[in-house]
Amino acid sequence: MSLKEVRKKAIKDDTDIFYYPIRYISTIITMFLVKTNVTPLQVTWVHFIIGTIAAILFGFGNYGLAIFAFCLFFLSIVLDMVDGEIARYKEIRSEVSVWLDHISDFNIFIDNGHNSR
């Protein structure tokens, strides 16, 4: 599967218009990373660490730190998409990577079921 096909499929699967610019940025990063030995699991770990740092910084309540935390949080969202794109492009699937992706999404985005009544 070519990277152009990965981008087309990823953008087609997104139903929220908010994700289109983020997906565009993520596919640009993916274009560079697929030429390296970077694995989706490594990207997931970086996404998890950056997102956790952003969450901690948000907790301080400082305006300057909040702006920096938002930038880190945005990067974490982009990297969350990059790991899936790399996995689809390189056709790599790991149970550990899937598990860590779910754990990181749960911890960073705080989706613990309270909004799904």
Protein backbone atom coordinates (compact mmCIF):
# COMPACT_ATOMS: atom_id res chain seq x y z
CA MET A 1 0.00 0.00 0.00
CA SER A 2 1.45 3.36 -0.99
CA LEU A 3 1.61 6.30 1.37
CA LYS A 4 -0.83 8.18 -0.86
CA GLU A 5 -3.32 5.33 -0.37
CA VAL A 6 -2.74 5.39 3.40
CA ARG A 7 -3.40 9.15 3.46
CA LYS A 8 -6.53 8.80 1.31
CA LYS A 9 -7.92 5.99 3.48
CA ALA A 10 -7.09 7.78 6.74
CA ILE A 11 -8.76 11.02 5.66
CA LYS A 12 -11.78 9.14 4.28
CA ASP A 13 -12.24 7.27 7.58
CA ASP A 14 -12.27 10.48 9.64
CA THR A 15 -15.84 11.65 10.10
CA ASP A 16 -15.01 14.74 12.16
CA ILE A 17 -13.82 17.74 10.14
CA PHE A 18 -11.60 18.72 13.09
CA TYR A 19 -9.31 15.79 12.33
CA TYR A 20 -8.63 16.68 8.70
CA PRO A 21 -5.85 19.25 9.36
CA ILE A 22 -4.36 17.04 12.07
CA ARG A 23 -4.44 14.03 9.75
CA TYR A 24 -2.74 16.10 7.06
CA ILE A 25 0.09 16.98 9.45
CA SER A 26 0.36 13.39 10.67
CA THR A 27 0.71 11.99 7.16
CA ILE A 28 3.56 14.41 6.45
CA ILE A 29 5.38 13.10 9.53
CA THR A 30 4.54 9.54 8.50
CA MET A 31 6.10 10.11 5.07
CA PHE A 32 9.44 10.76 6.78
CA LEU A 33 9.18 8.04 9.43
CA VAL A 34 8.27 5.16 7.11
CA LYS A 35 11.70 5.55 5.47
CA THR A 36 13.36 4.82 8.82
CA ASN A 37 13.39 1.85 11.17
CA VAL A 38 10.91 3.53 13.52
CA THR A 39 8.16 1.14 14.61
CA PRO A 40 4.57 2.01 15.53
CA LEU A 41 5.27 0.86 19.09
CA GLN A 42 8.09 3.39 19.43
CA VAL A 43 5.82 6.18 18.20
CA THR A 44 3.13 5.04 20.63
CA TRP A 45 5.59 5.24 23.52
CA VAL A 46 6.60 8.78 22.52
CA HIS A 47 2.91 9.72 22.18
CA PHE A 48 2.23 8.31 25.66
CA ILE A 49 5.17 10.10 27.30
CA ILE A 50 4.50 13.46 25.65
CA GLY A 51 0.79 13.26 26.42
CA THR A 52 1.46 12.39 30.06
CA ILE A 53 3.86 15.32 30.41
CA ALA A 54 1.22 17.61 28.86
CA ALA A 55 -1.41 16.36 31.32
CA ILE A 56 0.90 17.00 34.27
CA LEU A 57 1.73 20.51 33.02
CA PHE A 58 -1.98 21.33 32.62
CA GLY A 59 -2.43 20.44 36.29
CA PHE A 60 -0.22 23.29 37.49
CA GLY A 61 -2.73 25.91 36.34
CA ASN A 62 -0.07 28.31 35.12
CA TYR A 63 -0.96 30.19 31.92
CA GLY A 64 2.51 29.89 30.37
CA LEU A 65 2.73 26.20 31.20
CA ALA A 66 -0.78 25.68 29.82
CA ILE A 67 0.24 27.07 26.44
CA PHE A 68 3.28 24.79 26.37
CA ALA A 69 1.13 21.87 27.56
CA PHE A 70 -1.35 22.52 24.75
CA CYS A 71 1.47 22.36 22.18
CA LEU A 72 2.65 19.06 23.67
CA PHE A 73 -0.93 17.77 23.76
CA PHE A 74 -1.41 18.68 20.09
CA LEU A 75 1.83 16.87 19.22
CA SER A 76 0.60 13.87 21.18
CA ILE A 77 -2.65 13.81 19.16
CA VAL A 78 -0.68 13.96 15.91
CA LEU A 79 1.63 11.14 17.03
CA ASP A 80 -1.39 9.06 18.01
CA MET A 81 -2.42 9.17 14.37
CA VAL A 82 1.12 8.63 13.08
CA ASP A 83 1.52 5.30 14.87
CA GLY A 84 -1.57 3.90 13.17
CA GLU A 85 -0.50 5.21 9.78
CA ILE A 86 2.95 3.63 10.12
CA ALA A 87 1.35 0.35 11.20
CA ARG A 88 -0.97 0.36 8.18
CA TYR A 89 1.80 1.34 5.77
CA LYS A 90 4.36 -1.20 7.03
CA GLU A 91 1.61 -3.75 7.76
CA ILE A 92 2.84 -4.23 11.32
CA ARG A 93 0.40 -5.22 14.05
CA SER A 94 1.47 -5.90 17.60
CA GLU A 95 -0.80 -6.76 20.50
CA VAL A 96 1.48 -4.74 22.80
CA SER A 97 1.20 -1.72 20.50
CA VAL A 98 -2.60 -1.99 20.37
CA TRP A 99 -2.76 -2.38 24.16
CA LEU A 100 -0.44 0.57 24.80
CA ASP A 101 -2.37 2.73 22.33
CA HIS A 102 -5.61 2.03 24.21
CA ILE A 103 -3.96 2.66 27.58
CA SER A 104 -2.40 5.93 26.40
CA ASP A 105 -5.67 7.13 24.89
CA PHE A 106 -7.47 6.25 28.13
CA ASN A 107 -4.92 8.08 30.30
CA ILE A 108 -4.33 11.12 28.10
CA PHE A 109 -7.82 11.78 26.76
CA ILE A 110 -9.54 10.69 30.01
CA ASP A 111 -12.25 8.75 28.20
CA ASN A 112 -13.39 6.58 31.06
CA GLY A 113 -16.97 6.06 29.98
CA HIS A 114 -18.54 8.98 31.87
CA ASN A 115 -19.62 10.63 28.62
CA SER A 116 -21.21 7.52 27.09
CA ARG A 117 -24.51 7.15 28.91
